[in-house]
Amino acid sequence: MVKLIYVITRKEGMSVTEFQTHWREVHAPIAAAIPGVRRYVQCHTVPELYGSDLPPSYDGAAELWFDDLLSMRKAFVTEETATAREDEVKFIDHSKSFMIVTEEKPIIE
């Protein structure tokens, strides 16, 4: 399994609630429709951290699992991925976000 982790920051001027609602209710079904995705998880930053002594550096992370690297590459050139990227510009600041492609190495299960 290959996992893509997408660490994201919300667009400037967008509230945490607006961001999390759009991501969960609008974007989630779009991203879940990408061919080859075996699992899709959204990790939302805990709202209580905003304005605290531990302010978050990012607003969340998306995790998408694929069978292998080839499956992920094929998924990235689909119409569904293009649709997801079009929606992302509505709520993600891409200049403050990043992706990594990983393979899990469990230590404790």
PDB file of N, CA and C in Angstrom:
ATOM      1  N   MET A   1       0.835  -1.185   0.000  1.00  0.00           N
ATOM      2  CA  MET A   1       0.000   0.000   0.000  1.00  0.00           C
ATOM      3  C   MET A   1       0.877   1.244   0.000  1.00  0.00           C
ATOM      4  N   VAL A   2       0.414   2.235  -0.736  1.00  0.00           N
ATOM      5  CA  VAL A   2       1.058   3.537  -0.774  1.00  0.00           C
ATOM      6  C   VAL A   2       0.059   4.542  -0.213  1.00  0.00           C
ATOM      7  N   LYS A   3       0.551   5.404   0.655  1.00  0.00           N
ATOM      8  CA  LYS A   3      -0.323   6.418   1.237  1.00  0.00           C
ATOM      9  C   LYS A   3       0.183   7.803   0.871  1.00  0.00           C
ATOM     10  N   LEU A   4      -0.724   8.617   0.353  1.00  0.00           N
ATOM     11  CA  LEU A   4      -0.427  10.015   0.094  1.00  0.00           C
ATOM     12  C   LEU A   4      -0.949  10.801   1.289  1.00  0.00           C
ATOM     13  N   ILE A   5      -0.095  11.596   1.890  1.00  0.00           N
ATOM     14  CA  ILE A   5      -0.497  12.467   2.991  1.00  0.00           C
ATOM     15  C   ILE A   5      -0.406  13.895   2.471  1.00  0.00           C
ATOM     16  N   TYR A   6      -1.521  14.597   2.541  1.00  0.00           N
ATOM     17  CA  TYR A   6      -1.637  15.955   2.005  1.00  0.00           C
ATOM     18  C   TYR A   6      -1.912  16.880   3.181  1.00  0.00           C
ATOM     19  N   VAL A   7      -0.910  17.628   3.613  1.00  0.00           N
ATOM     20  CA  VAL A   7      -1.030  18.539   4.743  1.00  0.00           C
ATOM     21  C   VAL A   7      -1.484  19.890   4.191  1.00  0.00           C
ATOM     22  N   ILE A   8      -2.618  20.377   4.704  1.00  0.00           N
ATOM     23  CA  ILE A   8      -3.238  21.546   4.079  1.00  0.00           C
ATOM     24  C   ILE A   8      -3.493  22.708   5.042  1.00  0.00           C
ATOM     25  N   THR A   9      -3.531  23.883   4.434  1.00  0.00           N
ATOM     26  CA  THR A   9      -3.827  25.131   5.123  1.00  0.00           C
ATOM     27  C   THR A   9      -5.009  25.776   4.422  1.00  0.00           C
ATOM     28  N   ARG A  10      -5.914  26.325   5.208  1.00  0.00           N
ATOM     29  CA  ARG A  10      -7.109  26.960   4.637  1.00  0.00           C
ATOM     30  C   ARG A  10      -6.765  28.295   3.984  1.00  0.00           C
ATOM     31  N   LYS A  11      -7.619  28.699   3.070  1.00  0.00           N
ATOM     32  CA  LYS A  11      -7.443  29.980   2.384  1.00  0.00           C
ATOM     33  C   LYS A  11      -7.567  31.116   3.387  1.00  0.00           C
ATOM     34  N   GLU A  12      -6.784  32.150   3.173  1.00  0.00           N
ATOM     35  CA  GLU A  12      -6.853  33.323   4.033  1.00  0.00           C
ATOM     36  C   GLU A  12      -8.255  33.916   3.993  1.00  0.00           C
ATOM     37  N   GLY A  13      -8.739  34.328   5.144  1.00  0.00           N
ATOM     38  CA  GLY A  13     -10.066  34.916   5.241  1.00  0.00           C
ATOM     39  C   GLY A  13     -11.171  33.902   5.487  1.00  0.00           C
ATOM     40  N   MET A  14     -10.861  32.622   5.392  1.00  0.00           N
ATOM     41  CA  MET A  14     -11.853  31.574   5.619  1.00  0.00           C
ATOM     42  C   MET A  14     -11.771  31.145   7.081  1.00  0.00           C
ATOM     43  N   SER A  15     -12.911  31.057   7.742  1.00  0.00           N
ATOM     44  CA  SER A  15     -12.916  30.630   9.139  1.00  0.00           C
ATOM     45  C   SER A  15     -12.632  29.129   9.223  1.00  0.00           C
ATOM     46  N   VAL A  16     -12.243  28.702  10.397  1.00  0.00           N
ATOM     47  CA  VAL A  16     -11.984  27.283  10.629  1.00  0.00           C
ATOM     48  C   VAL A  16     -13.251  26.484  10.360  1.00  0.00           C
ATOM     49  N   THR A  17     -14.382  26.980  10.839  1.00  0.00           N
ATOM     50  CA  THR A  17     -15.655  26.279  10.643  1.00  0.00           C
ATOM     51  C   THR A  17     -16.007  26.186   9.169  1.00  0.00           C
ATOM     52  N   GLU A  18     -15.848  27.280   8.427  1.00  0.00           N
ATOM     53  CA  GLU A  18     -16.131  27.254   6.981  1.00  0.00           C
ATOM     54  C   GLU A  18     -15.228  26.255   6.276  1.00  0.00           C
ATOM     55  N   PHE A  19     -13.948  26.276   6.631  1.00  0.00           N
ATOM     56  CA  PHE A  19     -12.980  25.374   6.021  1.00  0.00           C
ATOM     57  C   PHE A  19     -13.348  23.917   6.292  1.00  0.00           C
ATOM     58  N   GLN A  20     -13.545  23.579   7.565  1.00  0.00           N
ATOM     59  CA  GLN A  20     -13.830  22.193   7.918  1.00  0.00           C
ATOM     60  C   GLN A  20     -15.149  21.714   7.321  1.00  0.00           C
ATOM     61  N   THR A  21     -16.150  22.586   7.271  1.00  0.00           N
ATOM     62  CA  THR A  21     -17.441  22.210   6.691  1.00  0.00           C
ATOM     63  C   THR A  21     -17.307  21.944   5.194  1.00  0.00           C
ATOM     64  N   HIS A  22     -16.619  22.835   4.478  1.00  0.00           N
ATOM     65  CA  HIS A  22     -16.448  22.639   3.034  1.00  0.00           C
ATOM     66  C   HIS A  22     -15.664  21.351   2.768  1.00  0.00           C
ATOM     67  N   TRP A  23     -14.583  21.173   3.495  1.00  0.00           N
ATOM     68  CA  TRP A  23     -13.738  19.999   3.296  1.00  0.00           C
ATOM     69  C   TRP A  23     -14.526  18.712   3.529  1.00  0.00           C
ATOM     70  N   ARG A  24     -15.286  18.671   4.613  1.00  0.00           N
ATOM     71  CA  ARG A  24     -16.018  17.460   4.988  1.00  0.00           C
ATOM     72  C   ARG A  24     -17.258  17.231   4.127  1.00  0.00           C
ATOM     73  N   GLU A  25     -18.033  18.287   3.880  1.00  0.00           N
ATOM     74  CA  GLU A  25     -19.335  18.107   3.233  1.00  0.00           C
ATOM     75  C   GLU A  25     -19.312  18.262   1.714  1.00  0.00           C
ATOM     76  N   VAL A  26     -18.440  19.112   1.197  1.00  0.00           N
ATOM     77  CA  VAL A  26     -18.387  19.348  -0.253  1.00  0.00           C
ATOM     78  C   VAL A  26     -17.250  18.554  -0.894  1.00  0.00           C
ATOM     79  N   HIS A  27     -16.056  18.697  -0.340  1.00  0.00           N
ATOM     80  CA  HIS A  27     -14.888  18.096  -0.983  1.00  0.00           C
ATOM     81  C   HIS A  27     -14.789  16.580  -0.777  1.00  0.00           C
ATOM     82  N   ALA A  28     -15.185  16.099   0.368  1.00  0.00           N
ATOM     83  CA  ALA A  28     -15.036  14.666   0.671  1.00  0.00           C
ATOM     84  C   ALA A  28     -15.660  13.753  -0.378  1.00  0.00           C
ATOM     85  N   PRO A  29     -16.911  13.991  -0.794  1.00  0.00           N
ATOM     86  CA  PRO A  29     -17.474  13.089  -1.818  1.00  0.00           C
ATOM     87  C   PRO A  29     -16.746  13.192  -3.159  1.00  0.00           C
ATOM     88  N   ILE A  30     -16.200  14.365  -3.456  1.00  0.00           N
ATOM     89  CA  ILE A  30     -15.449  14.546  -4.705  1.00  0.00           C
ATOM     90  C   ILE A  30     -14.164  13.726  -4.653  1.00  0.00           C
ATOM     91  N   ALA A  31     -13.418  13.865  -3.557  1.00  0.00           N
ATOM     92  CA  ALA A  31     -12.153  13.135  -3.414  1.00  0.00           C
ATOM     93  C   ALA A  31     -12.384  11.633  -3.301  1.00  0.00           C
ATOM     94  N   ALA A  32     -13.446  11.241  -2.630  1.00  0.00           N
ATOM     95  CA  ALA A  32     -13.740   9.818  -2.465  1.00  0.00           C
ATOM     96  C   ALA A  32     -14.063   9.137  -3.788  1.00  0.00           C
ATOM     97  N   ALA A  33     -14.420   9.912  -4.801  1.00  0.00           N
ATOM     98  CA  ALA A  33     -14.764   9.355  -6.116  1.00  0.00           C
ATOM     99  C   ALA A  33     -13.538   9.132  -7.013  1.00  0.00           C
ATOM    100  N   ILE A  34     -12.361   9.520  -6.551  1.00  0.00           N
ATOM    101  CA  ILE A  34     -11.155   9.339  -7.364  1.00  0.00           C
ATOM    102  C   ILE A  34     -10.888   7.842  -7.522  1.00  0.00           C
ATOM    103  N   PRO A  35     -10.761   7.356  -8.766  1.00  0.00           N
ATOM    104  CA  PRO A  35     -10.530   5.920  -8.995  1.00  0.00           C
ATOM    105  C   PRO A  35      -9.233   5.445  -8.343  1.00  0.00           C
ATOM    106  N   GLY A  36      -9.291   4.267  -7.768  1.00  0.00           N
ATOM    107  CA  GLY A  36      -8.096   3.669  -7.182  1.00  0.00           C
ATOM    108  C   GLY A  36      -7.877   3.988  -5.716  1.00  0.00           C
ATOM    109  N   VAL A  37      -8.633   4.920  -5.163  1.00  0.00           N
ATOM    110  CA  VAL A  37      -8.478   5.249  -3.748  1.00  0.00           C
ATOM    111  C   VAL A  37      -9.087   4.118  -2.927  1.00  0.00           C
ATOM    112  N   ARG A  38      -8.281   3.498  -2.068  1.00  0.00           N
ATOM    113  CA  ARG A  38      -8.734   2.378  -1.238  1.00  0.00           C
ATOM    114  C   ARG A  38      -9.257   2.850   0.109  1.00  0.00           C
ATOM    115  N   ARG A  39      -8.712   3.960   0.576  1.00  0.00           N
ATOM    116  CA  ARG A  39      -9.147   4.545   1.843  1.00  0.00           C
ATOM    117  C   ARG A  39      -8.886   6.032   1.776  1.00  0.00           C
ATOM    118  N   TYR A  40      -9.798   6.804   2.365  1.00  0.00           N
ATOM    119  CA  TYR A  40      -9.654   8.258   2.389  1.00  0.00           C
ATOM    120  C   TYR A  40     -10.037   8.739   3.784  1.00  0.00           C
ATOM    121  N   VAL A  41      -9.114   9.432   4.443  1.00  0.00           N
ATOM    122  CA  VAL A  41      -9.337   9.924   5.800  1.00  0.00           C
ATOM    123  C   VAL A  41      -8.998  11.402   5.836  1.00  0.00           C
ATOM    124  N   GLN A  42      -9.867  12.176   6.472  1.00  0.00           N
ATOM    125  CA  GLN A  42      -9.567  13.579   6.734  1.00  0.00           C
ATOM    126  C   GLN A  42      -9.180  13.710   8.205  1.00  0.00           C
ATOM    127  N   CYS A  43      -8.092  14.387   8.469  1.00  0.00           N
ATOM    128  CA  CYS A  43      -7.624  14.642   9.832  1.00  0.00           C
ATOM    129  C   CYS A  43      -7.746  16.144  10.074  1.00  0.00           C
ATOM    130  N   HIS A  44      -8.802  16.541  10.774  1.00  0.00           N
ATOM    131  CA  HIS A  44      -9.056  17.952  11.036  1.00  0.00           C
ATOM    132  C   HIS A  44      -8.325  18.391  12.308  1.00  0.00           C
ATOM    133  N   THR A  45      -7.662  19.538  12.237  1.00  0.00           N
ATOM    134  CA  THR A  45      -7.012  20.088  13.415  1.00  0.00           C
ATOM    135  C   THR A  45      -8.058  20.334  14.494  1.00  0.00           C
ATOM    136  N   VAL A  46      -7.716  20.023  15.717  1.00  0.00           N
ATOM    137  CA  VAL A  46      -8.635  20.188  16.840  1.00  0.00           C
ATOM    138  C   VAL A  46      -8.941  21.684  17.011  1.00  0.00           C
ATOM    139  N   PRO A  47     -10.223  22.072  16.929  1.00  0.00           N
ATOM    140  CA  PRO A  47     -10.587  23.496  16.974  1.00  0.00           C
ATOM    141  C   PRO A  47     -10.087  24.235  18.213  1.00  0.00           C
ATOM    142  N   GLU A  48      -9.985  23.553  19.338  1.00  0.00           N
ATOM    143  CA  GLU A  48      -9.550  24.202  20.579  1.00  0.00           C
ATOM    144  C   GLU A  48      -8.109  24.712  20.517  1.00  0.00           C
ATOM    145  N   LEU A  49      -7.325  24.229  19.563  1.00  0.00           N
ATOM    146  CA  LEU A  49      -5.935  24.678  19.446  1.00  0.00           C
ATOM    147  C   LEU A  49      -5.817  26.076  18.842  1.00  0.00           C
ATOM    148  N   TYR A  50      -6.824  26.495  18.095  1.00  0.00           N
ATOM    149  CA  TYR A  50      -6.781  27.840  17.506  1.00  0.00           C
ATOM    150  C   TYR A  50      -6.889  28.867  18.619  1.00  0.00           C
ATOM    151  N   GLY A  51      -5.965  29.833  18.614  1.00  0.00           N
ATOM    152  CA  GLY A  51      -5.970  30.867  19.638  1.00  0.00           C
ATOM    153  C   GLY A  51      -5.383  30.412  20.963  1.00  0.00           C
ATOM    154  N   SER A  52      -4.774  29.230  21.007  1.00  0.00           N
ATOM    155  CA  SER A  52      -4.180  28.716  22.244  1.00  0.00           C
ATOM    156  C   SER A  52      -2.673  28.957  22.242  1.00  0.00           C
ATOM    157  N   ASP A  53      -2.016  28.420  23.258  1.00  0.00           N
ATOM    158  CA  ASP A  53      -0.557  28.538  23.322  1.00  0.00           C
ATOM    159  C   ASP A  53       0.134  27.543  22.388  1.00  0.00           C
ATOM    160  N   LEU A  54      -0.649  26.673  21.731  1.00  0.00           N
ATOM    161  CA  LEU A  54      -0.136  25.740  20.729  1.00  0.00           C
ATOM    162  C   LEU A  54      -0.869  25.942  19.406  1.00  0.00           C
ATOM    163  N   PRO A  55      -0.735  27.121  18.786  1.00  0.00           N
ATOM    164  CA  PRO A  55      -1.482  27.361  17.545  1.00  0.00           C
ATOM    165  C   PRO A  55      -1.037  26.400  16.445  1.00  0.00           C
ATOM    166  N   PRO A  56      -1.986  25.881  15.691  1.00  0.00           N
ATOM    167  CA  PRO A  56      -1.632  24.914  14.648  1.00  0.00           C
ATOM    168  C   PRO A  56      -0.883  25.546  13.481  1.00  0.00           C
ATOM    169  N   SER A  57       0.069  24.800  12.946  1.00  0.00           N
ATOM    170  CA  SER A  57       0.804  25.245  11.763  1.00  0.00           C
ATOM    171  C   SER A  57       0.004  24.972  10.494  1.00  0.00           C
ATOM    172  N   TYR A  58      -0.881  23.964  10.561  1.00  0.00           N
ATOM    173  CA  TYR A  58      -1.693  23.571   9.414  1.00  0.00           C
ATOM    174  C   TYR A  58      -3.115  23.309   9.906  1.00  0.00           C
ATOM    175  N   ASP A  59      -4.043  23.273   8.969  1.00  0.00           N
ATOM    176  CA  ASP A  59      -5.448  23.083   9.328  1.00  0.00           C
ATOM    177  C   ASP A  59      -5.914  21.642   9.221  1.00  0.00           C
ATOM    178  N   GLY A  60      -5.078  20.773   8.697  1.00  0.00           N
ATOM    179  CA  GLY A  60      -5.458  19.370   8.623  1.00  0.00           C
ATOM    180  C   GLY A  60      -4.578  18.602   7.661  1.00  0.00           C
ATOM    181  N   ALA A  61      -4.913  17.319   7.551  1.00  0.00           N
ATOM    182  CA  ALA A  61      -4.197  16.440   6.620  1.00  0.00           C
ATOM    183  C   ALA A  61      -5.187  15.445   6.033  1.00  0.00           C
ATOM    184  N   ALA A  62      -5.044  15.189   4.758  1.00  0.00           N
ATOM    185  CA  ALA A  62      -5.834  14.152   4.091  1.00  0.00           C
ATOM    186  C   ALA A  62      -4.913  12.964   3.850  1.00  0.00           C
ATOM    187  N   GLU A  63      -5.447  11.779   4.047  1.00  0.00           N
ATOM    188  CA  GLU A  63      -4.699  10.558   3.785  1.00  0.00           C
ATOM    189  C   GLU A  63      -5.459   9.766   2.737  1.00  0.00           C
ATOM    190  N   LEU A  64      -4.789   9.434   1.650  1.00  0.00           N
ATOM    191  CA  LEU A  64      -5.393   8.630   0.590  1.00  0.00           C
ATOM    192  C   LEU A  64      -4.517   7.408   0.362  1.00  0.00           C
ATOM    193  N   TRP A  65      -5.124   6.220   0.457  1.00  0.00           N
ATOM    194  CA  TRP A  65      -4.417   4.960   0.265  1.00  0.00           C
ATOM    195  C   TRP A  65      -4.656   4.432  -1.148  1.00  0.00           C
ATOM    196  N   PHE A  66      -3.582   3.920  -1.755  1.00  0.00           N
ATOM    197  CA  PHE A  66      -3.635   3.306  -3.079  1.00  0.00           C
ATOM    198  C   PHE A  66      -2.929   1.955  -3.007  1.00  0.00           C
ATOM    199  N   ASP A  67      -3.264   1.043  -3.916  1.00  0.00           N
ATOM    200  CA  ASP A  67      -2.622  -0.277  -3.940  1.00  0.00           C
ATOM    201  C   ASP A  67      -1.116  -0.176  -4.127  1.00  0.00           C
ATOM    202  N   ASP A  68      -0.700   0.763  -4.996  1.00  0.00           N
ATOM    203  CA  ASP A  68       0.719   0.917  -5.297  1.00  0.00           C
ATOM    204  C   ASP A  68       0.930   2.270  -5.975  1.00  0.00           C
ATOM    205  N   LEU A  69       2.179   2.579  -6.270  1.00  0.00           N
ATOM    206  CA  LEU A  69       2.530   3.862  -6.870  1.00  0.00           C
ATOM    207  C   LEU A  69       1.915   4.027  -8.251  1.00  0.00           C
ATOM    208  N   LEU A  70       1.873   2.963  -9.028  1.00  0.00           N
ATOM    209  CA  LEU A  70       1.274   3.031 -10.362  1.00  0.00           C
ATOM    210  C   LEU A  70      -0.214   3.388 -10.267  1.00  0.00           C
ATOM    211  N   SER A  71      -0.918   2.788  -9.336  1.00  0.00           N
ATOM    212  CA  SER A  71      -2.341   3.098  -9.149  1.00  0.00           C
ATOM    213  C   SER A  71      -2.535   4.570  -8.792  1.00  0.00           C
ATOM    214  N   MET A  72      -1.655   5.091  -7.936  1.00  0.00           N
ATOM    215  CA  MET A  72      -1.742   6.500  -7.567  1.00  0.00           C
ATOM    216  C   MET A  72      -1.498   7.388  -8.786  1.00  0.00           C
ATOM    217  N   ARG A  73      -0.476   7.061  -9.558  1.00  0.00           N
ATOM    218  CA  ARG A  73      -0.170   7.862 -10.753  1.00  0.00           C
ATOM    219  C   ARG A  73      -1.330   7.844 -11.748  1.00  0.00           C
ATOM    220  N   LYS A  74      -1.948   6.690 -11.924  1.00  0.00           N
ATOM    221  CA  LYS A  74      -3.104   6.592 -12.824  1.00  0.00           C
ATOM    222  C   LYS A  74      -4.263   7.439 -12.314  1.00  0.00           C
ATOM    223  N   ALA A  75      -4.462   7.428 -11.007  1.00  0.00           N
ATOM    224  CA  ALA A  75      -5.553   8.205 -10.408  1.00  0.00           C
ATOM    225  C   ALA A  75      -5.363   9.703 -10.641  1.00  0.00           C
ATOM    226  N   PHE A  76      -4.122  10.150 -10.618  1.00  0.00           N
ATOM    227  CA  PHE A  76      -3.841  11.580 -10.730  1.00  0.00           C
ATOM    228  C   PHE A  76      -4.160  12.169 -12.098  1.00  0.00           C
ATOM    229  N   VAL A  77      -4.323  11.349 -13.117  1.00  0.00           N
ATOM    230  CA  VAL A  77      -4.609  11.869 -14.456  1.00  0.00           C
ATOM    231  C   VAL A  77      -6.068  11.661 -14.858  1.00  0.00           C
ATOM    232  N   THR A  78      -6.926  11.417 -13.874  1.00  0.00           N
ATOM    233  CA  THR A  78      -8.336  11.187 -14.168  1.00  0.00           C
ATOM    234  C   THR A  78      -9.147  12.474 -14.067  1.00  0.00           C
ATOM    235  N   GLU A  79     -10.311  12.439 -14.660  1.00  0.00           N
ATOM    236  CA  GLU A  79     -11.247  13.566 -14.582  1.00  0.00           C
ATOM    237  C   GLU A  79     -11.650  13.833 -13.130  1.00  0.00           C
ATOM    238  N   GLU A  80     -11.788  12.766 -12.345  1.00  0.00           N
ATOM    239  CA  GLU A  80     -12.181  12.923 -10.945  1.00  0.00           C
ATOM    240  C   GLU A  80     -11.131  13.695 -10.147  1.00  0.00           C
ATOM    241  N   THR A  81      -9.853  13.438 -10.409  1.00  0.00           N
ATOM    242  CA  THR A  81      -8.795  14.189  -9.732  1.00  0.00           C
ATOM    243  C   THR A  81      -8.799  15.636 -10.195  1.00  0.00           C
ATOM    244  N   ALA A  82      -9.036  15.871 -11.471  1.00  0.00           N
ATOM    245  CA  ALA A  82      -9.127  17.252 -11.977  1.00  0.00           C
ATOM    246  C   ALA A  82     -10.266  17.996 -11.275  1.00  0.00           C
ATOM    247  N   THR A  83     -11.382  17.332 -11.081  1.00  0.00           N
ATOM    248  CA  THR A  83     -12.516  17.939 -10.389  1.00  0.00           C
ATOM    249  C   THR A  83     -12.152  18.256  -8.938  1.00  0.00           C
ATOM    250  N   ALA A  84     -11.444  17.341  -8.283  1.00  0.00           N
ATOM    251  CA  ALA A  84     -11.019  17.570  -6.900  1.00  0.00           C
ATOM    252  C   ALA A  84     -10.087  18.772  -6.811  1.00  0.00           C
ATOM    253  N   ARG A  85      -9.173  18.880  -7.738  1.00  0.00           N
ATOM    254  CA  ARG A  85      -8.235  20.014  -7.715  1.00  0.00           C
ATOM    255  C   ARG A  85      -8.943  21.337  -7.992  1.00  0.00           C
ATOM    256  N   GLU A  86      -9.949  21.312  -8.838  1.00  0.00           N
ATOM    257  CA  GLU A  86     -10.737  22.526  -9.086  1.00  0.00           C
ATOM    258  C   GLU A  86     -11.436  22.964  -7.807  1.00  0.00           C
ATOM    259  N   ASP A  87     -11.943  22.011  -7.043  1.00  0.00           N
ATOM    260  CA  ASP A  87     -12.613  22.361  -5.790  1.00  0.00           C
ATOM    261  C   ASP A  87     -11.615  22.856  -4.746  1.00  0.00           C
ATOM    262  N   GLU A  88     -10.417  22.324  -4.734  1.00  0.00           N
ATOM    263  CA  GLU A  88      -9.410  22.709  -3.744  1.00  0.00           C
ATOM    264  C   GLU A  88      -9.131  24.209  -3.737  1.00  0.00           C
ATOM    265  N   VAL A  89      -9.161  24.842  -4.886  1.00  0.00           N
ATOM    266  CA  VAL A  89      -8.851  26.279  -4.937  1.00  0.00           C
ATOM    267  C   VAL A  89      -9.876  27.110  -4.169  1.00  0.00           C
ATOM    268  N   LYS A  90     -11.008  26.520  -3.848  1.00  0.00           N
ATOM    269  CA  LYS A  90     -12.046  27.230  -3.097  1.00  0.00           C
ATOM    270  C   LYS A  90     -11.748  27.297  -1.600  1.00  0.00           C
ATOM    271  N   PHE A  91     -10.897  26.378  -1.095  1.00  0.00           N
ATOM    272  CA  PHE A  91     -10.697  26.358   0.361  1.00  0.00           C
ATOM    273  C   PHE A  91      -9.269  26.071   0.830  1.00  0.00           C
ATOM    274  N   ILE A  92      -8.360  25.721  -0.072  1.00  0.00           N
ATOM    275  CA  ILE A  92      -6.974  25.405   0.311  1.00  0.00           C
ATOM    276  C   ILE A  92      -6.010  26.465  -0.212  1.00  0.00           C
ATOM    277  N   ASP A  93      -5.069  26.864   0.644  1.00  0.00           N
ATOM    278  CA  ASP A  93      -3.970  27.731   0.234  1.00  0.00           C
ATOM    279  C   ASP A  93      -2.819  26.815  -0.168  1.00  0.00           C
ATOM    280  N   HIS A  94      -2.664  26.588  -1.466  1.00  0.00           N
ATOM    281  CA  HIS A  94      -1.645  25.658  -1.950  1.00  0.00           C
ATOM    282  C   HIS A  94      -0.220  26.119  -1.659  1.00  0.00           C
ATOM    283  N   SER A  95      -0.006  27.422  -1.484  1.00  0.00           N
ATOM    284  CA  SER A  95       1.341  27.915  -1.195  1.00  0.00           C
ATOM    285  C   SER A  95       1.778  27.550   0.229  1.00  0.00           C
ATOM    286  N   LYS A  96       0.823  27.135   1.070  1.00  0.00           N
ATOM    287  CA  LYS A  96       1.120  26.770   2.456  1.00  0.00           C
ATOM    288  C   LYS A  96       0.718  25.321   2.739  1.00  0.00           C
ATOM    289  N   SER A  97       0.737  24.484   1.726  1.00  0.00           N
ATOM    290  CA  SER A  97       0.351  23.081   1.859  1.00  0.00           C
ATOM    291  C   SER A  97       1.396  22.217   1.171  1.00  0.00           C
ATOM    292  N   PHE A  98       1.438  20.931   1.515  1.00  0.00           N
ATOM    293  CA  PHE A  98       2.397  20.036   0.864  1.00  0.00           C
ATOM    294  C   PHE A  98       1.903  18.604   0.910  1.00  0.00           C
ATOM    295  N   MET A  99       2.474  17.763   0.029  1.00  0.00           N
ATOM    296  CA  MET A  99       2.142  16.341  -0.053  1.00  0.00           C
ATOM    297  C   MET A  99       3.397  15.510   0.122  1.00  0.00           C
ATOM    298  N   ILE A 100       3.209  14.333   0.727  1.00  0.00           N
ATOM    299  CA  ILE A 100       4.267  13.335   0.745  1.00  0.00           C
ATOM    300  C   ILE A 100       3.636  11.988   0.398  1.00  0.00           C
ATOM    301  N   VAL A 101       4.409  11.153  -0.261  1.00  0.00           N
ATOM    302  CA  VAL A 101       3.957   9.808  -0.620  1.00  0.00           C
ATOM    303  C   VAL A 101       4.770   8.850   0.230  1.00  0.00           C
ATOM    304  N   THR A 102       4.065   7.971   0.946  1.00  0.00           N
ATOM    305  CA  THR A 102       4.721   7.132   1.938  1.00  0.00           C
ATOM    306  C   THR A 102       4.296   5.667   1.841  1.00  0.00           C
ATOM    307  N   GLU A 103       5.055   4.843   2.518  1.00  0.00           N
ATOM    308  CA  GLU A 103       4.667   3.468   2.818  1.00  0.00           C
ATOM    309  C   GLU A 103       4.738   3.351   4.330  1.00  0.00           C
ATOM    310  N   GLU A 104       3.672   2.845   4.942  1.00  0.00           N
ATOM    311  CA  GLU A 104       3.651   2.721   6.392  1.00  0.00           C
ATOM    312  C   GLU A 104       4.611   1.642   6.861  1.00  0.00           C
ATOM    313  N   LYS A 105       5.246   1.914   7.968  1.00  0.00           N
ATOM    314  CA  LYS A 105       6.113   0.961   8.667  1.00  0.00           C
ATOM    315  C   LYS A 105       5.642   0.927  10.115  1.00  0.00           C
ATOM    316  N   PRO A 106       4.593   0.137  10.405  1.00  0.00           N
ATOM    317  CA  PRO A 106       4.024   0.138  11.764  1.00  0.00           C
ATOM    318  C   PRO A 106       5.059  -0.238  12.822  1.00  0.00           C
ATOM    319  N   ILE A 107       5.030   0.479  13.913  1.00  0.00           N
ATOM    320  CA  ILE A 107       5.919   0.225  15.053  1.00  0.00           C
ATOM    321  C   ILE A 107       5.119  -0.411  16.195  1.00  0.00           C
ATOM    322  N   ILE A 108       3.965   0.178  16.486  1.00  0.00           N
ATOM    323  CA  ILE A 108       3.054  -0.348  17.511  1.00  0.00           C
ATOM    324  C   ILE A 108       1.688  -0.536  16.866  1.00  0.00           C
ATOM    325  N   GLU A 109       1.100  -1.677  17.045  1.00  0.00           N
ATOM    326  CA  GLU A 109      -0.241  -1.914  16.504  1.00  0.00           C
ATOM    327  C   GLU A 109      -1.155  -2.388  17.602  1.00  0.00           C
TER     328      GLU A 109
END
